[in-house]
Every structure is written in C-alpha cells, then in structure tokens.
Amino acid sequence: MEQFAKAAISILFDGVAYAMLLFIISVGLSITMGLMGFANLAHGAFAMLGGYVMVSLMLKAGVPFLLALVLAAIIVALISVPFERYLYRRLYKAGELDQVLLSIGLVFMATATITFFFGPSTVSISVPEFLKGQVNLGFGIFPAYRTFTIAVGLVMIVALWYGFERTITGAKIRAAVDNRRMAQSIGIDVDRLFVITFAFGSGLAALGGGLAIEILGMSPTFALTYLVFFLIVVAVGGLGSIRGAFVAALVLGIIDTAGKYLWPDGGAFFIYAVTIGILLIKPEGLFGKA
C-alpha cells in the first residue's frame, strides 16, 4: 500500500510538472487564437526558438541559467513582432486553409533552419546546482528541476490572472476576444492589442521552450512533435480562456503521464481518448463559449 501511495504521488508530481510546461507554452496560443481568430500552427516554433536561444546564450555567451531563460523569452517576443506585422496580419481575413499553410510552412522552415545551424541532435544545457538533485517538500522527495518548473508555472498563473482580470490592458484584450467589432467601436486599438498579445504569447512559448529542455528535450523536431499537444490544450480548454488552458493542461498532463507510467506501450493513447471524450460532450471546450 505504501509503495502504491509513493508511486501515485510520483506520477501526480511528474504529471503536474509536465502540465505546467503545456500550460506555459499553450496559454499564449489560446489567447492569440481567441483574439485573432488565426489558426497559428507555428506557435510551437517560437517555443523551440526560445529553447535554442537559451542554449546559445548559455553555451556561447556564458549567460547564467535564470538570466538566459528570461532573455530568451524577451528576445523571441521581439522577434515575433515582425512576423505578426508582415506575415500574420496579411491573412487575418483569409480562410483557415491559407492560415494553416502559412503557419505550418513556418514550422518546416524553422525546423530546417535550426537543423542547419545546430544539427539534428538533441541539445542540452547545464542547470545550476540548486536545480540538480532532489528537494524535500515535506510529503516526499522530488526532483529539484521539476519542482522549479511547477513553481514557475504557478507564478505565471497568478501573474496572468492578475494581468487579464485586474488591468486595463487585460480588460481590453478580454473585450476584443469576446467581441472584436464592439471593442473597435468603443475606441480600443485592436491592431495594437494584436501585436502586444502575439509578442506576449510568443514570449511565453519561448519561456516554456527553455524550461522544456531538461524535461522534454530540445531538438529541431520539437515544434512538430509537440504541436498536437499544444492544440489539444487549446481545444479542450476553450479559445481565449486562461482558466481553460490551465485546467486542460493539468488534466491532460496528469492523465498522459499516468498512462505512460501504467501502460508504456500505449504511448499517448489516454490523452487522445480523453480529448475525444471531452470534445464530444463540449465541442467548444471546457470553458469556451458556445
């Protein structure tokens, strides 16, 4: 019985750590898709870019881990601005097929570019001493890095909640997500919101990509490998919902981790089964608007 309890706690902890990565990367996609109505399949490419920017900062410039993590998010956020202005903006009113072709094309281009400069192998970084080994949380001993990842995820959840629920910019974004035309009619600069939100979402993706290096690994196929998982979180949680992205990431992260622990040969069977079940009952997602 004690062994079962320890295994359950371990699975739950690893599932929550994985869920936090999914949330940090996917929440930006949920907000931007809800606001812009753009099927952005290249969101994972910004997460991958964040990972490789962090690797470059640490290995080539000697930047410490925490500073590199923050700088990678900022750099990718800035890089994403011209993409929004000169590529995405041209297709806001286009059909979904055009949007999908553009964004998936960017994914393949990013994969080829990263492979050219960094090679096809998985890259790695050296984390600080305080993130190595185990940490005692009172109810168990857990990997320090996964504990740190969960802590970052919790901080981001609080910060996002405050930003979107308690600030003027957050209120404007929520208004534009709910009714873009009405928001424009009362003087909200929706185009400016698009740039801010897209850059912020891309920066969050980069932050998640940097954190993912030690847990999921980072290779040129990262954007394609995990694309479906990011889309699942958005679909299950509901477009434009921070709460939905968090709940969906938590449920799917824990279920996927538990499934792989209990039935390794089943792969991602459980996460797809749960996704299908939820979307059959609530096609708009758990917290999406019908």
C-alpha atoms as a PDB file:
ATOM      1  CA  MET A   1       0.000   0.000   0.000  1.00  0.00           C
ATOM      2  CA  GLU A   2       2.854   2.350   0.879  1.00  0.00           C
ATOM      3  CA  GLN A   3       4.560   1.587  -2.433  1.00  0.00           C
ATOM      4  CA  PHE A   4       1.333   2.333  -4.297  1.00  0.00           C
ATOM      5  CA  ALA A   5       0.958   5.673  -2.492  1.00  0.00           C
ATOM      6  CA  LYS A   6       4.544   6.656  -3.315  1.00  0.00           C
ATOM      7  CA  ALA A   7       4.058   5.695  -6.963  1.00  0.00           C
ATOM      8  CA  ALA A   8       0.795   7.669  -7.148  1.00  0.00           C
ATOM      9  CA  ILE A   9       2.420  10.769  -5.640  1.00  0.00           C
ATOM     10  CA  SER A  10       5.374  10.460  -8.018  1.00  0.00           C
ATOM     11  CA  ILE A  11       3.079  10.132 -11.032  1.00  0.00           C
ATOM     12  CA  LEU A  12       0.986  13.075  -9.867  1.00  0.00           C
ATOM     13  CA  PHE A  13       4.061  15.252  -9.320  1.00  0.00           C
ATOM     14  CA  ASP A  14       5.591  14.448 -12.721  1.00  0.00           C
ATOM     15  CA  GLY A  15       2.185  14.970 -14.330  1.00  0.00           C
ATOM     16  CA  VAL A  16       1.820  18.412 -12.772  1.00  0.00           C
ATOM     17  CA  ALA A  17       5.346  19.400 -13.891  1.00  0.00           C
ATOM     18  CA  TYR A  18       4.514  18.310 -17.444  1.00  0.00           C
ATOM     19  CA  ALA A  19       1.173  20.111 -17.209  1.00  0.00           C
ATOM     20  CA  MET A  20       2.896  23.359 -16.243  1.00  0.00           C
ATOM     21  CA  LEU A  21       5.063  23.179 -19.356  1.00  0.00           C
ATOM     22  CA  LEU A  22       1.992  22.561 -21.501  1.00  0.00           C
ATOM     23  CA  PHE A  23       0.197  25.473 -19.854  1.00  0.00           C
ATOM     24  CA  ILE A  24       3.036  27.988 -20.175  1.00  0.00           C
ATOM     25  CA  ILE A  25       3.501  27.196 -23.869  1.00  0.00           C
ATOM     26  CA  SER A  26      -0.181  26.761 -24.782  1.00  0.00           C
ATOM     27  CA  VAL A  27      -1.846  29.636 -22.928  1.00  0.00           C
ATOM     28  CA  GLY A  28      -0.367  32.183 -25.328  1.00  0.00           C
ATOM     29  CA  LEU A  29      -1.724  30.192 -28.271  1.00  0.00           C
ATOM     30  CA  SER A  30      -5.158  30.051 -26.644  1.00  0.00           C
ATOM     31  CA  ILE A  31      -5.282  33.826 -26.146  1.00  0.00           C
ATOM     32  CA  THR A  32      -3.951  34.721 -29.594  1.00  0.00           C
ATOM     33  CA  MET A  33      -6.273  32.294 -31.373  1.00  0.00           C
ATOM     34  CA  GLY A  34      -9.224  33.565 -29.353  1.00  0.00           C
ATOM     35  CA  LEU A  35      -8.324  37.195 -30.059  1.00  0.00           C
ATOM     36  CA  MET A  36      -7.141  36.998 -33.658  1.00  0.00           C
ATOM     37  CA  GLY A  37      -9.095  34.006 -34.906  1.00  0.00           C
ATOM     38  CA  PHE A  38      -5.863  32.841 -36.556  1.00  0.00           C
ATOM     39  CA  ALA A  39      -5.021  29.138 -36.811  1.00  0.00           C
ATOM     40  CA  ASN A  40      -1.376  29.571 -35.775  1.00  0.00           C
ATOM     41  CA  LEU A  41       0.265  26.166 -36.052  1.00  0.00           C
ATOM     42  CA  ALA A  42       3.698  27.819 -35.797  1.00  0.00           C
ATOM     43  CA  HIS A  43       3.302  28.584 -32.088  1.00  0.00           C
ATOM     44  CA  GLY A  44       5.481  25.605 -31.180  1.00  0.00           C
ATOM     45  CA  ALA A  45       8.233  27.004 -33.415  1.00  0.00           C
ATOM     46  CA  PHE A  46       8.505  30.026 -31.101  1.00  0.00           C
ATOM     47  CA  ALA A  47       8.807  27.646 -28.146  1.00  0.00           C
ATOM     48  CA  MET A  48      11.550  25.772 -29.994  1.00  0.00           C
ATOM     49  CA  LEU A  49      13.284  29.045 -30.860  1.00  0.00           C
ATOM     50  CA  GLY A  50      13.211  30.013 -27.189  1.00  0.00           C
ATOM     51  CA  GLY A  51      14.942  26.759 -26.305  1.00  0.00           C
ATOM     52  CA  TYR A  52      17.699  27.251 -28.865  1.00  0.00           C
ATOM     53  CA  VAL A  53      18.182  30.931 -27.989  1.00  0.00           C
ATOM     54  CA  MET A  54      18.643  29.847 -24.379  1.00  0.00           C
ATOM     55  CA  VAL A  55      21.140  27.166 -25.398  1.00  0.00           C
ATOM     56  CA  SER A  56      23.107  29.737 -27.421  1.00  0.00           C
ATOM     57  CA  LEU A  57      23.111  32.279 -24.582  1.00  0.00           C
ATOM     58  CA  MET A  58      24.332  29.720 -22.055  1.00  0.00           C
ATOM     59  CA  LEU A  59      26.857  27.781 -24.120  1.00  0.00           C
ATOM     60  CA  LYS A  60      28.248  30.501 -26.360  1.00  0.00           C
ATOM     61  CA  ALA A  61      27.851  33.664 -24.279  1.00  0.00           C
ATOM     62  CA  GLY A  62      28.150  32.156 -20.801  1.00  0.00           C
ATOM     63  CA  VAL A  63      24.870  33.664 -19.581  1.00  0.00           C
ATOM     64  CA  PRO A  64      23.603  32.110 -16.311  1.00  0.00           C
ATOM     65  CA  PHE A  65      20.561  29.821 -16.470  1.00  0.00           C
ATOM     66  CA  LEU A  66      17.903  32.086 -14.956  1.00  0.00           C
ATOM     67  CA  LEU A  67      19.013  35.169 -16.881  1.00  0.00           C
ATOM     68  CA  ALA A  68      19.188  33.161 -20.113  1.00  0.00           C
ATOM     69  CA  LEU A  69      15.633  31.908 -19.513  1.00  0.00           C
ATOM     70  CA  VAL A  70      14.303  35.449 -19.152  1.00  0.00           C
ATOM     71  CA  LEU A  71      16.365  36.833 -22.049  1.00  0.00           C
ATOM     72  CA  ALA A  72      15.224  34.017 -24.357  1.00  0.00           C
ATOM     73  CA  ALA A  73      11.572  34.899 -23.670  1.00  0.00           C
ATOM     74  CA  ILE A  74      12.204  38.609 -24.325  1.00  0.00           C
ATOM     75  CA  ILE A  75      14.243  38.012 -27.479  1.00  0.00           C
ATOM     76  CA  VAL A  76      11.659  35.677 -29.010  1.00  0.00           C
ATOM     77  CA  ALA A  77       8.858  38.101 -28.101  1.00  0.00           C
ATOM     78  CA  LEU A  78      10.693  40.845 -30.017  1.00  0.00           C
ATOM     79  CA  ILE A  79      11.432  38.534 -32.957  1.00  0.00           C
ATOM     80  CA  SER A  80       7.737  37.640 -33.195  1.00  0.00           C
ATOM     81  CA  VAL A  81       6.640  41.257 -33.774  1.00  0.00           C
ATOM     82  CA  PRO A  82       7.689  41.493 -37.459  1.00  0.00           C
ATOM     83  CA  PHE A  83       6.131  38.065 -38.053  1.00  0.00           C
ATOM     84  CA  GLU A  84       2.791  39.390 -36.812  1.00  0.00           C
ATOM     85  CA  ARG A  85       3.034  42.672 -38.688  1.00  0.00           C
ATOM     86  CA  TYR A  86       4.294  41.457 -42.063  1.00  0.00           C
ATOM     87  CA  LEU A  87       3.049  37.860 -42.317  1.00  0.00           C
ATOM     88  CA  TYR A  88       0.159  37.056 -39.983  1.00  0.00           C
ATOM     89  CA  ARG A  89      -1.642  40.388 -40.351  1.00  0.00           C
ATOM     90  CA  ARG A  90      -1.982  39.871 -44.095  1.00  0.00           C
ATOM     91  CA  LEU A  91      -4.005  36.699 -43.534  1.00  0.00           C
ATOM     92  CA  TYR A  92      -6.322  37.666 -40.656  1.00  0.00           C
ATOM     93  CA  LYS A  93      -9.256  37.824 -43.047  1.00  0.00           C
ATOM     94  CA  ALA A  94      -8.124  34.897 -45.173  1.00  0.00           C
ATOM     95  CA  GLY A  95      -9.537  31.394 -44.977  1.00  0.00           C
ATOM     96  CA  GLU A  96      -8.353  28.862 -42.431  1.00  0.00           C
ATOM     97  CA  LEU A  97      -6.575  26.827 -45.120  1.00  0.00           C
ATOM     98  CA  ASP A  98      -4.380  29.812 -46.031  1.00  0.00           C
ATOM     99  CA  GLN A  99      -3.572  30.392 -42.350  1.00  0.00           C
ATOM    100  CA  VAL A 100      -2.712  26.746 -41.790  1.00  0.00           C
ATOM    101  CA  LEU A 101      -0.489  26.618 -44.885  1.00  0.00           C
ATOM    102  CA  LEU A 102       1.411  29.749 -43.812  1.00  0.00           C
ATOM    103  CA  SER A 103       1.951  28.673 -40.213  1.00  0.00           C
ATOM    104  CA  ILE A 104       2.820  25.033 -40.938  1.00  0.00           C
ATOM    105  CA  GLY A 105       5.201  26.297 -43.620  1.00  0.00           C
ATOM    106  CA  LEU A 106       6.906  28.420 -40.962  1.00  0.00           C
ATOM    107  CA  VAL A 107       7.276  25.304 -38.799  1.00  0.00           C
ATOM    108  CA  PHE A 108       9.083  23.407 -41.573  1.00  0.00           C
ATOM    109  CA  MET A 109      11.257  26.432 -42.299  1.00  0.00           C
ATOM    110  CA  ALA A 110      12.124  26.771 -38.606  1.00  0.00           C
ATOM    111  CA  THR A 111      12.943  23.059 -38.404  1.00  0.00           C
ATOM    112  CA  ALA A 112      15.258  23.288 -41.412  1.00  0.00           C
ATOM    113  CA  THR A 113      16.926  26.467 -40.117  1.00  0.00           C
ATOM    114  CA  ILE A 114      17.559  25.032 -36.648  1.00  0.00           C
ATOM    115  CA  THR A 115      18.909  21.803 -38.163  1.00  0.00           C
ATOM    116  CA  PHE A 116      21.283  23.798 -40.384  1.00  0.00           C
ATOM    117  CA  PHE A 117      22.743  25.854 -37.524  1.00  0.00           C
ATOM    118  CA  PHE A 118      22.582  23.382 -34.629  1.00  0.00           C
ATOM    119  CA  GLY A 119      22.465  19.968 -36.289  1.00  0.00           C
ATOM    120  CA  PRO A 120      19.795  17.268 -35.969  1.00  0.00           C
ATOM    121  CA  SER A 121      20.765  16.026 -32.495  1.00  0.00           C
ATOM    122  CA  THR A 122      19.118  16.875 -29.192  1.00  0.00           C
ATOM    123  CA  VAL A 123      20.813  19.754 -27.368  1.00  0.00           C
ATOM    124  CA  SER A 124      21.357  20.062 -23.639  1.00  0.00           C
ATOM    125  CA  ILE A 125      22.301  22.658 -21.034  1.00  0.00           C
ATOM    126  CA  SER A 126      23.834  22.616 -17.580  1.00  0.00           C
ATOM    127  CA  VAL A 127      21.387  23.726 -14.900  1.00  0.00           C
ATOM    128  CA  PRO A 128      22.545  25.452 -11.687  1.00  0.00           C
ATOM    129  CA  GLU A 129      23.479  23.364  -8.668  1.00  0.00           C
ATOM    130  CA  PHE A 130      20.336  24.325  -6.787  1.00  0.00           C
ATOM    131  CA  LEU A 131      18.227  22.764  -9.551  1.00  0.00           C
ATOM    132  CA  LYS A 132      20.127  19.475  -9.524  1.00  0.00           C
ATOM    133  CA  GLY A 133      19.326  16.509  -7.331  1.00  0.00           C
ATOM    134  CA  GLN A 134      16.300  16.201  -5.067  1.00  0.00           C
ATOM    135  CA  VAL A 135      14.335  18.509  -2.784  1.00  0.00           C
ATOM    136  CA  ASN A 136      12.311  17.546   0.294  1.00  0.00           C
ATOM    137  CA  LEU A 137       8.835  19.087   0.211  1.00  0.00           C
ATOM    138  CA  GLY A 138       7.700  17.541   3.463  1.00  0.00           C
ATOM    139  CA  PHE A 139       5.383  14.996   1.874  1.00  0.00           C
ATOM    140  CA  GLY A 140       8.046  13.487  -0.355  1.00  0.00           C
ATOM    141  CA  ILE A 141      11.392  13.942  -2.052  1.00  0.00           C
ATOM    142  CA  PHE A 142      11.179  15.156  -5.647  1.00  0.00           C
ATOM    143  CA  PRO A 143      13.492  16.288  -8.466  1.00  0.00           C
ATOM    144  CA  ALA A 144      14.547  19.890  -7.864  1.00  0.00           C
ATOM    145  CA  TYR A 145      14.170  20.925 -11.515  1.00  0.00           C
ATOM    146  CA  ARG A 146      10.588  19.681 -11.790  1.00  0.00           C
ATOM    147  CA  THR A 147       9.781  21.443  -8.513  1.00  0.00           C
ATOM    148  CA  PHE A 148      11.186  24.648 -10.006  1.00  0.00           C
ATOM    149  CA  THR A 149       9.112  24.156 -13.166  1.00  0.00           C
ATOM    150  CA  ILE A 150       5.927  23.789 -11.122  1.00  0.00           C
ATOM    151  CA  ALA A 151       6.809  26.908  -9.128  1.00  0.00           C
ATOM    152  CA  VAL A 152       7.346  28.917 -12.330  1.00  0.00           C
ATOM    153  CA  GLY A 153       4.025  27.650 -13.680  1.00  0.00           C
ATOM    154  CA  LEU A 154       2.169  28.687 -10.522  1.00  0.00           C
ATOM    155  CA  VAL A 155       3.750  32.152 -10.616  1.00  0.00           C
ATOM    156  CA  MET A 156       2.731  32.525 -14.266  1.00  0.00           C
ATOM    157  CA  ILE A 157      -0.850  31.507 -13.497  1.00  0.00           C
ATOM    158  CA  VAL A 158      -1.151  34.172 -10.781  1.00  0.00           C
ATOM    159  CA  ALA A 159       0.549  36.801 -12.956  1.00  0.00           C
ATOM    160  CA  LEU A 160      -1.670  36.038 -15.954  1.00  0.00           C
ATOM    161  CA  TRP A 161      -4.815  36.066 -13.837  1.00  0.00           C
ATOM    162  CA  TYR A 162      -3.890  39.445 -12.400  1.00  0.00           C
ATOM    163  CA  GLY A 163      -2.847  40.837 -15.782  1.00  0.00           C
ATOM    164  CA  PHE A 164      -6.018  39.796 -17.573  1.00  0.00           C
ATOM    165  CA  GLU A 165      -8.502  40.326 -14.744  1.00  0.00           C
ATOM    166  CA  ARG A 166      -7.136  43.380 -12.910  1.00  0.00           C
ATOM    167  CA  THR A 167      -5.502  45.618 -15.530  1.00  0.00           C
ATOM    168  CA  ILE A 168      -6.833  47.902 -18.245  1.00  0.00           C
ATOM    169  CA  THR A 169      -4.898  46.109 -20.977  1.00  0.00           C
ATOM    170  CA  GLY A 170      -6.285  42.778 -19.791  1.00  0.00           C
ATOM    171  CA  ALA A 171      -9.821  44.161 -19.877  1.00  0.00           C
ATOM    172  CA  LYS A 172      -9.280  45.394 -23.428  1.00  0.00           C
ATOM    173  CA  ILE A 173      -7.952  42.002 -24.527  1.00  0.00           C
ATOM    174  CA  ARG A 174     -10.923  40.213 -22.936  1.00  0.00           C
ATOM    175  CA  ALA A 175     -13.305  42.637 -24.633  1.00  0.00           C
ATOM    176  CA  ALA A 176     -11.643  42.079 -28.016  1.00  0.00           C
ATOM    177  CA  VAL A 177     -11.783  38.296 -27.537  1.00  0.00           C
ATOM    178  CA  ASP A 178     -15.487  38.430 -26.681  1.00  0.00           C
ATOM    179  CA  ASN A 179     -16.499  40.857 -29.449  1.00  0.00           C
ATOM    180  CA  ARG A 180     -13.850  42.369 -31.675  1.00  0.00           C
ATOM    181  CA  ARG A 181     -16.179  44.717 -33.575  1.00  0.00           C
ATOM    182  CA  MET A 182     -17.724  46.101 -30.421  1.00  0.00           C
ATOM    183  CA  ALA A 183     -14.266  46.641 -28.931  1.00  0.00           C
ATOM    184  CA  GLN A 184     -13.230  48.601 -32.019  1.00  0.00           C
ATOM    185  CA  SER A 185     -16.430  50.655 -31.942  1.00  0.00           C
ATOM    186  CA  ILE A 186     -15.658  51.939 -28.417  1.00  0.00           C
ATOM    187  CA  GLY A 187     -12.172  53.034 -29.394  1.00  0.00           C
ATOM    188  CA  ILE A 188      -9.982  50.062 -28.470  1.00  0.00           C
ATOM    189  CA  ASP A 189      -6.968  49.806 -30.787  1.00  0.00           C
ATOM    190  CA  VAL A 190      -7.346  46.134 -31.650  1.00  0.00           C
ATOM    191  CA  ASP A 191      -4.395  46.110 -34.080  1.00  0.00           C
ATOM    192  CA  ARG A 192      -2.096  47.294 -31.289  1.00  0.00           C
ATOM    193  CA  LEU A 193      -3.550  44.648 -28.990  1.00  0.00           C
ATOM    194  CA  PHE A 194      -2.794  42.033 -31.631  1.00  0.00           C
ATOM    195  CA  VAL A 195       0.909  42.954 -31.617  1.00  0.00           C
ATOM    196  CA  ILE A 196       1.150  43.055 -27.814  1.00  0.00           C
ATOM    197  CA  THR A 197      -0.724  39.795 -27.330  1.00  0.00           C
ATOM    198  CA  PHE A 198       1.124  37.955 -30.088  1.00  0.00           C
ATOM    199  CA  ALA A 199       4.512  39.041 -28.731  1.00  0.00           C
ATOM    200  CA  PHE A 200       3.498  38.144 -25.187  1.00  0.00           C
ATOM    201  CA  GLY A 201       2.185  34.736 -26.256  1.00  0.00           C
ATOM    202  CA  SER A 202       5.352  34.025 -28.228  1.00  0.00           C
ATOM    203  CA  GLY A 203       7.471  35.077 -25.254  1.00  0.00           C
ATOM    204  CA  LEU A 204       5.553  32.687 -23.004  1.00  0.00           C
ATOM    205  CA  ALA A 205       6.075  29.919 -25.542  1.00  0.00           C
ATOM    206  CA  ALA A 206       9.813  30.670 -25.507  1.00  0.00           C
ATOM    207  CA  LEU A 207       9.830  30.556 -21.704  1.00  0.00           C
ATOM    208  CA  GLY A 208       8.164  27.145 -21.826  1.00  0.00           C
ATOM    209  CA  GLY A 209      10.597  26.003 -24.501  1.00  0.00           C
ATOM    210  CA  GLY A 210      13.548  26.979 -22.333  1.00  0.00           C
ATOM    211  CA  LEU A 211      12.129  25.110 -19.354  1.00  0.00           C
ATOM    212  CA  ALA A 212      11.330  22.086 -21.528  1.00  0.00           C
ATOM    213  CA  ILE A 213      14.957  21.429 -22.463  1.00  0.00           C
ATOM    214  CA  GLU A 214      15.636  19.438 -19.289  1.00  0.00           C
ATOM    215  CA  ILE A 215      12.264  17.637 -19.168  1.00  0.00           C
ATOM    216  CA  LEU A 216      11.147  17.016 -22.744  1.00  0.00           C
ATOM    217  CA  GLY A 217      14.422  17.526 -24.560  1.00  0.00           C
ATOM    218  CA  MET A 218      15.048  20.014 -27.372  1.00  0.00           C
ATOM    219  CA  SER A 219      15.675  19.040 -30.979  1.00  0.00           C
ATOM    220  CA  PRO A 220      14.782  20.513 -34.398  1.00  0.00           C
ATOM    221  CA  THR A 221      11.606  18.381 -34.459  1.00  0.00           C
ATOM    222  CA  PHE A 222      10.280  19.836 -31.173  1.00  0.00           C
ATOM    223  CA  ALA A 223       7.718  22.124 -32.844  1.00  0.00           C
ATOM    224  CA  LEU A 224       6.198  19.286 -34.862  1.00  0.00           C
ATOM    225  CA  THR A 225       6.439  16.638 -32.147  1.00  0.00           C
ATOM    226  CA  TYR A 226       4.506  18.641 -29.570  1.00  0.00           C
ATOM    227  CA  LEU A 227       2.277  20.709 -31.871  1.00  0.00           C
ATOM    228  CA  VAL A 228      -0.697  18.408 -31.407  1.00  0.00           C
ATOM    229  CA  PHE A 229      -0.383  18.586 -27.596  1.00  0.00           C
ATOM    230  CA  PHE A 230      -0.475  22.394 -27.619  1.00  0.00           C
ATOM    231  CA  LEU A 231      -3.531  22.334 -29.877  1.00  0.00           C
ATOM    232  CA  ILE A 232      -5.222  19.771 -27.645  1.00  0.00           C
ATOM    233  CA  VAL A 233      -4.796  22.021 -24.591  1.00  0.00           C
ATOM    234  CA  VAL A 234      -6.323  24.941 -26.500  1.00  0.00           C
ATOM    235  CA  ALA A 235      -9.212  22.876 -27.883  1.00  0.00           C
ATOM    236  CA  VAL A 236     -10.055  21.193 -24.573  1.00  0.00           C
ATOM    237  CA  GLY A 237      -9.690  24.359 -22.500  1.00  0.00           C
ATOM    238  CA  GLY A 238     -11.546  26.649 -24.896  1.00  0.00           C
ATOM    239  CA  LEU A 239     -10.244  29.524 -27.030  1.00  0.00           C
ATOM    240  CA  GLY A 240      -9.173  32.629 -25.153  1.00  0.00           C
ATOM    241  CA  SER A 241      -9.563  31.154 -21.674  1.00  0.00           C
ATOM    242  CA  ILE A 242      -6.608  31.232 -19.264  1.00  0.00           C
ATOM    243  CA  ARG A 243      -8.531  29.136 -16.767  1.00  0.00           C
ATOM    244  CA  GLY A 244      -9.445  26.689 -19.510  1.00  0.00           C
ATOM    245  CA  ALA A 245      -5.830  26.345 -20.663  1.00  0.00           C
ATOM    246  CA  PHE A 246      -4.716  25.699 -17.080  1.00  0.00           C
ATOM    247  CA  VAL A 247      -7.394  23.099 -16.302  1.00  0.00           C
ATOM    248  CA  ALA A 248      -6.917  21.368 -19.666  1.00  0.00           C
ATOM    249  CA  ALA A 249      -3.116  21.263 -19.258  1.00  0.00           C
ATOM    250  CA  LEU A 250      -3.465  19.917 -15.715  1.00  0.00           C
ATOM    251  CA  VAL A 251      -5.955  17.191 -16.658  1.00  0.00           C
ATOM    252  CA  LEU A 252      -4.171  16.135 -19.826  1.00  0.00           C
ATOM    253  CA  GLY A 253      -0.671  16.361 -18.327  1.00  0.00           C
ATOM    254  CA  ILE A 254      -1.545  14.130 -15.382  1.00  0.00           C
ATOM    255  CA  ILE A 255      -3.539  11.644 -17.467  1.00  0.00           C
ATOM    256  CA  ASP A 256      -0.850  11.399 -20.136  1.00  0.00           C
ATOM    257  CA  THR A 257       1.896  10.903 -17.538  1.00  0.00           C
ATOM    258  CA  ALA A 258      -0.123   8.296 -15.632  1.00  0.00           C
ATOM    259  CA  GLY A 259      -0.965   6.480 -18.859  1.00  0.00           C
ATOM    260  CA  LYS A 260       2.686   6.273 -19.904  1.00  0.00           C
ATOM    261  CA  TYR A 261       3.671   5.042 -16.431  1.00  0.00           C
ATOM    262  CA  LEU A 262       0.979   2.362 -16.285  1.00  0.00           C
ATOM    263  CA  TRP A 263       0.942   1.352 -19.949  1.00  0.00           C
ATOM    264  CA  PRO A 264       4.203   2.411 -21.656  1.00  0.00           C
ATOM    265  CA  ASP A 265       3.330   0.625 -24.893  1.00  0.00           C
ATOM    266  CA  GLY A 266       0.112   2.634 -25.162  1.00  0.00           C
ATOM    267  CA  GLY A 267       2.002   5.854 -25.819  1.00  0.00           C
ATOM    268  CA  ALA A 268      -0.331   8.851 -25.862  1.00  0.00           C
ATOM    269  CA  PHE A 269      -3.489   6.722 -26.138  1.00  0.00           C
ATOM    270  CA  PHE A 270      -5.069   8.090 -22.952  1.00  0.00           C
ATOM    271  CA  ILE A 271      -4.586  11.766 -23.767  1.00  0.00           C
ATOM    272  CA  TYR A 272      -6.296  11.308 -27.138  1.00  0.00           C
ATOM    273  CA  ALA A 273      -9.098   9.230 -25.649  1.00  0.00           C
ATOM    274  CA  VAL A 274      -9.822  11.869 -23.001  1.00  0.00           C
ATOM    275  CA  THR A 275      -9.645  14.646 -25.593  1.00  0.00           C
ATOM    276  CA  ILE A 276     -12.151  12.912 -27.848  1.00  0.00           C
ATOM    277  CA  GLY A 277     -14.487  12.269 -24.919  1.00  0.00           C
ATOM    278  CA  ILE A 278     -14.411  15.885 -23.725  1.00  0.00           C
ATOM    279  CA  LEU A 279     -14.888  17.382 -27.183  1.00  0.00           C
ATOM    280  CA  LEU A 280     -17.785  15.047 -27.943  1.00  0.00           C
ATOM    281  CA  ILE A 281     -19.559  16.385 -24.846  1.00  0.00           C
ATOM    282  CA  LYS A 282     -18.350  20.005 -25.094  1.00  0.00           C
ATOM    283  CA  PRO A 283     -17.161  20.793 -28.641  1.00  0.00           C
ATOM    284  CA  GLU A 284     -16.333  24.392 -27.630  1.00  0.00           C
ATOM    285  CA  GLY A 285     -14.026  23.182 -24.835  1.00  0.00           C
ATOM    286  CA  LEU A 286     -14.400  23.149 -21.066  1.00  0.00           C
ATOM    287  CA  PHE A 287     -14.502  26.943 -20.699  1.00  0.00           C
ATOM    288  CA  GLY A 288     -15.089  28.025 -24.288  1.00  0.00           C
ATOM    289  CA  LYS A 289     -18.078  29.996 -25.475  1.00  0.00           C
ATOM    290  CA  ALA A 290     -20.640  28.054 -27.470  1.00  0.00           C
END
